[in-house]
Each structure stands twice: as structure tokens, then as C-alpha cells.
Amino acid sequence: APQLTVTTVEPTEITATSAISGGSITSNDGNYIYVFMKGICWATHPNPMVMNDFFTENGSGAENFTAEMTDLTPNTVYYVRAFAVTVNGTIYGNQQSFTTEQMPNYTVTLSSNPTDGGMVTGGGMYEQGQSCTVSATANMGYTFINWKENGSVVSTNANYTFIVTDNRTLVANFVMESYTISLSASPSNGGSVYGGGSYNYGQNCTVHA
């Protein structure tokens, strides 16, 4: 009776969350019993098994096949075996192991415009896919306006949350508060007043009567 041998393809194209493997099926005498289903199975423990662990279904027949493993955990050792389901049961291939890459790190750089307009927090190193919240707090006499990146407004909220997918350079823009000084004489024909108008926070104002 023909004896089938399953060979597991060495994993390639390994990233932080995916990898490619596959399998080939050979017969000791050139005759093949029917393969109902074939694929690969993988896990973080040795000797993964179809149905018990993650697996792919790559059709039937004895042709070579390629399969992708997805949703893997970064920086983790995985074990993978090809398999073929026949009338005689499930035949497993040799075990291959690989380590997924680390998730890329990106830098979130923050600054204030003007520099004395307020404080910014939340910058630093983040893994790809992490959530980042940056916060802008206006100093006395200033009001927060927006966050800009490369000159374009990305948020008008002082607390801005986003998913990190690349390096980012964000600028928190503040504007100095201004106040109106209104003057009047009482009685109106008692004299003249001047020096009123619009003044920035902290600016000296002298009024005359």
C-alpha cells in the first residue's frame, strides 16, 4: 500500500504578525491515496495539531501548497507542521520553528508654538499599533488652538488620541489672550479719556483722563 510522506516548507517572509509556510506530499511507490484536506497547523507549543490549534485548509489532492499564518504575536517562537487528511487518518510533516519579529517602534515628537504658550505631554517611543494620547495645557494668558503636523491641522482637541503607525512630529499651537479696555467719562462732558483698546495678556496699559 502506498505510504504518504508530508514535508513542511521552511517558514519565510516572517514579520511581526505573519509568516508563509506550506507543504508537499510524496508517495513511497508513486501511487497516492486520496487526500481529503491538507494545510498547515501552528501554535506556540511544539507538535501543533489540526483542529486543536490554528490551521489552514488548502483544498484536497496531493499537489504542493503554500499557506499564510496571520495574527501572530510579535517576538514569539512558533511551531508549524504541514498535514494531510486521508482515509488512514491525519499525516503530519516535520516540525519547523521560527520567531516573529519585534513590532516596529516609532517616535512621537511634540513642541509648543510659541514655546511659552503651554506645556505638551504624551510624546516618546511607541510600538506600531499602540494608542497614543498627547495633551496640551495652555499657560496663563494663552489659549490652546490646535495640533498641527507639517503645517496641517490634525486635531482641535487639547487631548488628541491616535494609533501609532509612523514617526510623528506634532506642534501644539497657542494664542495669547487679548482683552478690551473700555473707557468712559462721567459725566460725559466732564473731560476726555484715552488709552483704551485691545491689549494682550501681560501687556502694560496706561489710561489717561
Protein backbone atom coordinates (compact mmCIF):
# COMPACT_ATOMS: atom_id res chain seq x y z
CA ALA A 1 0.00 0.00 0.00
CA PRO A 2 1.29 3.49 -0.75
CA GLN A 3 2.72 5.38 2.18
CA LEU A 4 2.44 9.16 2.02
CA THR A 5 5.08 11.48 3.42
CA VAL A 6 4.29 15.11 4.21
CA THR A 7 7.10 17.68 4.22
CA THR A 8 6.70 21.08 5.88
CA VAL A 9 8.08 24.07 3.98
CA GLU A 10 10.54 26.18 5.96
CA PRO A 11 8.78 29.43 7.00
CA THR A 12 9.65 32.57 5.02
CA GLU A 13 8.53 36.20 4.79
CA ILE A 14 8.45 36.35 8.59
CA THR A 15 7.14 39.63 10.02
CA ALA A 16 5.96 40.66 13.48
CA THR A 17 2.48 39.21 12.86
CA SER A 18 2.68 36.84 9.87
CA ALA A 19 4.72 34.20 8.04
CA ILE A 20 4.48 31.92 4.99
CA SER A 21 4.85 28.12 5.01
CA GLY A 22 3.23 25.22 3.18
CA GLY A 23 3.83 21.58 2.35
CA SER A 24 4.47 18.86 -0.17
CA ILE A 25 3.12 15.32 -0.28
CA THR A 26 5.04 12.36 -1.72
CA SER A 27 4.40 8.62 -2.02
CA ASN A 28 6.85 5.79 -1.41
CA ASP A 29 5.78 3.91 -4.56
CA GLY A 30 4.41 6.68 -6.78
CA ASN A 31 0.79 5.76 -6.02
CA TYR A 32 -1.31 8.13 -3.95
CA ILE A 33 -4.23 7.56 -1.65
CA TYR A 34 -6.75 10.39 -1.79
CA VAL A 35 -6.01 13.46 0.33
CA PHE A 36 -9.30 14.89 1.58
CA MET A 37 -7.79 18.02 3.14
CA LYS A 38 -4.35 19.49 3.53
CA GLY A 39 -2.85 22.57 5.15
CA ILE A 40 -0.58 23.73 7.92
CA CYS A 41 -1.18 23.98 11.66
CA TRP A 42 0.76 26.13 14.10
CA ALA A 43 0.99 27.05 17.78
CA THR A 44 3.37 28.47 20.36
CA HIS A 45 3.93 24.94 21.69
CA PRO A 46 5.64 22.05 19.89
CA ASN A 47 3.76 19.49 17.76
CA PRO A 48 0.72 21.58 16.80
CA MET A 49 -2.31 19.58 15.65
CA VAL A 50 -5.11 20.33 13.23
CA MET A 51 -8.42 21.17 14.93
CA ASN A 52 -6.65 21.69 18.30
CA ASP A 53 -4.53 24.64 17.13
CA PHE A 54 -4.55 27.25 14.38
CA PHE A 55 -4.68 25.70 10.91
CA THR A 56 -5.39 26.41 7.26
CA GLU A 57 -7.42 24.43 4.74
CA ASN A 58 -5.67 24.31 1.37
CA GLY A 59 -8.02 22.07 -0.56
CA SER A 60 -7.66 18.40 -1.45
CA GLY A 61 -5.28 16.33 -3.58
CA ALA A 62 -1.54 15.77 -3.30
CA GLU A 63 -0.29 18.94 -5.01
CA ASN A 64 2.23 21.21 -3.27
CA PHE A 65 0.66 24.11 -1.43
CA THR A 66 1.55 27.41 0.23
CA ALA A 67 -0.25 28.91 3.23
CA GLU A 68 -0.02 32.08 5.30
CA MET A 69 -0.09 32.35 9.07
CA THR A 70 -1.61 35.63 10.29
CA ASP A 71 -2.48 37.42 13.55
CA LEU A 72 0.72 36.17 15.16
CA THR A 73 2.18 37.68 18.33
CA PRO A 74 5.37 39.72 17.83
CA ASN A 75 8.71 38.43 19.15
CA THR A 76 7.32 34.92 19.79
CA VAL A 77 8.53 31.41 18.89
CA TYR A 78 6.03 29.43 16.79
CA TYR A 79 5.95 25.79 15.66
CA VAL A 80 4.37 24.75 12.38
CA ARG A 81 3.63 21.41 10.69
CA ALA A 82 2.04 20.60 7.35
CA PHE A 83 -0.67 17.93 7.40
CA ALA A 84 -2.73 15.78 5.06
CA VAL A 85 -6.02 14.09 5.97
CA THR A 86 -6.55 10.68 4.29
CA VAL A 87 -8.74 7.66 4.79
CA ASN A 88 -5.94 6.33 7.01
CA GLY A 89 -6.02 9.40 9.28
CA THR A 90 -4.04 12.61 9.51
CA ILE A 91 -0.41 12.56 8.43
CA TYR A 92 1.84 15.28 9.82
CA GLY A 93 5.00 16.66 8.33
CA ASN A 94 8.24 17.52 10.04
CA GLN A 95 8.10 20.37 12.54
CA GLN A 96 9.56 23.77 11.67
CA SER A 97 10.02 26.62 14.15
CA PHE A 98 10.50 30.36 13.70
CA THR A 99 10.45 33.57 15.74
CA THR A 100 8.30 36.50 14.72
CA GLU A 101 9.95 39.90 14.52
CA GLN A 102 9.55 42.61 17.12
CA MET A 103 6.90 45.21 16.43
CA PRO A 104 8.50 48.38 14.99
CA ASN A 105 8.91 51.34 17.35
CA TYR A 106 8.11 54.90 16.34
CA THR A 107 8.78 58.28 17.93
CA VAL A 108 6.12 60.90 18.67
CA THR A 109 7.83 64.31 18.96
CA LEU A 110 5.96 67.26 20.50
CA SER A 111 6.56 71.01 20.70
CA SER A 112 4.68 74.19 21.64
CA ASN A 113 4.17 77.26 19.44
CA PRO A 114 5.02 79.72 20.90
CA THR A 115 7.31 77.86 23.29
CA ASP A 116 5.94 79.72 26.33
CA GLY A 117 2.34 79.21 25.23
CA GLY A 118 1.85 75.98 27.13
CA MET A 119 3.00 72.50 28.14
CA VAL A 120 2.78 69.33 25.99
CA THR A 121 2.85 65.73 27.25
CA GLY A 122 2.49 62.25 25.75
CA GLY A 123 5.45 62.16 23.36
CA GLY A 124 8.03 59.39 23.27
CA MET A 125 8.54 55.89 21.84
CA TYR A 126 5.55 53.74 20.90
CA GLU A 127 5.13 50.33 19.30
CA GLN A 128 3.32 50.17 15.99
CA GLY A 129 -0.40 49.84 16.64
CA GLN A 130 -0.26 51.32 20.13
CA SER A 131 -2.68 54.04 21.14
CA CYS A 132 -1.10 57.41 21.96
CA THR A 133 -2.74 60.36 23.67
CA VAL A 134 -0.96 63.72 23.56
CA SER A 135 -2.12 66.60 25.75
CA ALA A 136 -1.64 70.36 25.54
CA THR A 137 -2.12 72.62 28.57
CA ALA A 138 -2.10 76.39 27.99
CA ASN A 139 -0.06 78.60 30.27
CA MET A 140 -1.64 81.57 32.00
CA GLY A 141 -2.64 84.16 29.42
CA TYR A 142 -2.73 81.71 26.48
CA THR A 143 -5.42 79.59 24.83
CA PHE A 144 -4.89 76.28 23.02
CA ILE A 145 -5.87 76.43 19.33
CA ASN A 146 -4.93 73.16 17.60
CA TRP A 147 -2.43 70.40 16.92
CA LYS A 148 -0.63 70.65 13.57
CA GLU A 149 1.60 68.25 11.67
CA ASN A 150 3.62 69.52 8.70
CA GLY A 151 1.53 72.69 8.80
CA SER A 152 -1.83 70.90 8.60
CA VAL A 153 -4.37 70.80 11.43
CA VAL A 154 -4.81 67.22 12.73
CA SER A 155 -6.92 67.99 15.81
CA THR A 156 -8.57 70.88 17.61
CA ASN A 157 -8.83 68.91 20.85
CA ALA A 158 -6.23 69.59 23.53
CA ASN A 159 -6.25 65.82 24.22
CA TYR A 160 -5.57 64.10 20.87
CA THR A 161 -5.63 60.28 20.65
CA PHE A 162 -4.40 58.27 17.65
CA ILE A 163 -2.97 54.87 16.69
CA VAL A 164 0.78 54.99 16.07
CA THR A 165 1.74 53.79 12.58
CA ASP A 166 4.76 56.00 11.87
CA ASN A 167 7.03 58.67 13.34
CA ARG A 168 5.04 61.83 14.05
CA THR A 169 6.05 65.43 14.78
CA LEU A 170 3.19 67.40 16.31
CA VAL A 171 3.04 71.09 17.20
CA ALA A 172 0.58 72.44 19.77
CA ASN A 173 -0.42 75.95 18.78
CA PHE A 174 -1.42 78.53 21.37
CA VAL A 175 -2.59 82.12 21.03
CA MET A 176 -2.11 84.86 23.59
CA GLU A 177 -5.34 86.00 25.16
CA SER A 178 -6.34 89.59 24.48
CA TYR A 179 -8.65 91.90 26.43
CA THR A 180 -10.56 95.06 25.65
CA ILE A 181 -10.16 98.08 27.91
CA SER A 182 -13.22 100.34 27.56
CA LEU A 183 -13.11 103.90 28.92
CA SER A 184 -15.78 106.49 29.53
CA ALA A 185 -16.06 109.84 31.26
CA SER A 186 -18.71 110.62 33.84
CA PRO A 187 -20.32 112.97 33.24
CA SER A 188 -19.60 112.69 29.54
CA ASN A 189 -18.83 116.41 29.27
CA GLY A 190 -16.57 116.34 32.32
CA GLY A 191 -13.39 115.55 30.35
CA SER A 192 -11.73 113.33 27.80
CA VAL A 193 -10.29 109.81 28.25
CA TYR A 194 -7.87 107.87 26.13
CA GLY A 195 -5.62 104.79 26.24
CA GLY A 196 -8.34 102.15 25.89
CA GLY A 197 -8.37 99.43 23.23
CA SER A 198 -7.25 95.81 22.80
CA TYR A 199 -4.32 94.54 24.88
CA ASN A 200 -2.59 91.17 25.15
CA TYR A 201 -2.33 89.37 28.46
CA GLY A 202 0.54 90.86 30.49
CA GLN A 203 0.82 93.96 28.33
CA ASN A 204 1.10 97.33 30.07
CA CYS A 205 -1.87 99.66 29.64
CA THR A 206 -1.90 103.33 30.62
CA VAL A 207 -5.16 105.24 30.59
CA HIS A 208 -5.45 108.98 30.74
CA ALA A 209 -8.26 111.22 31.93
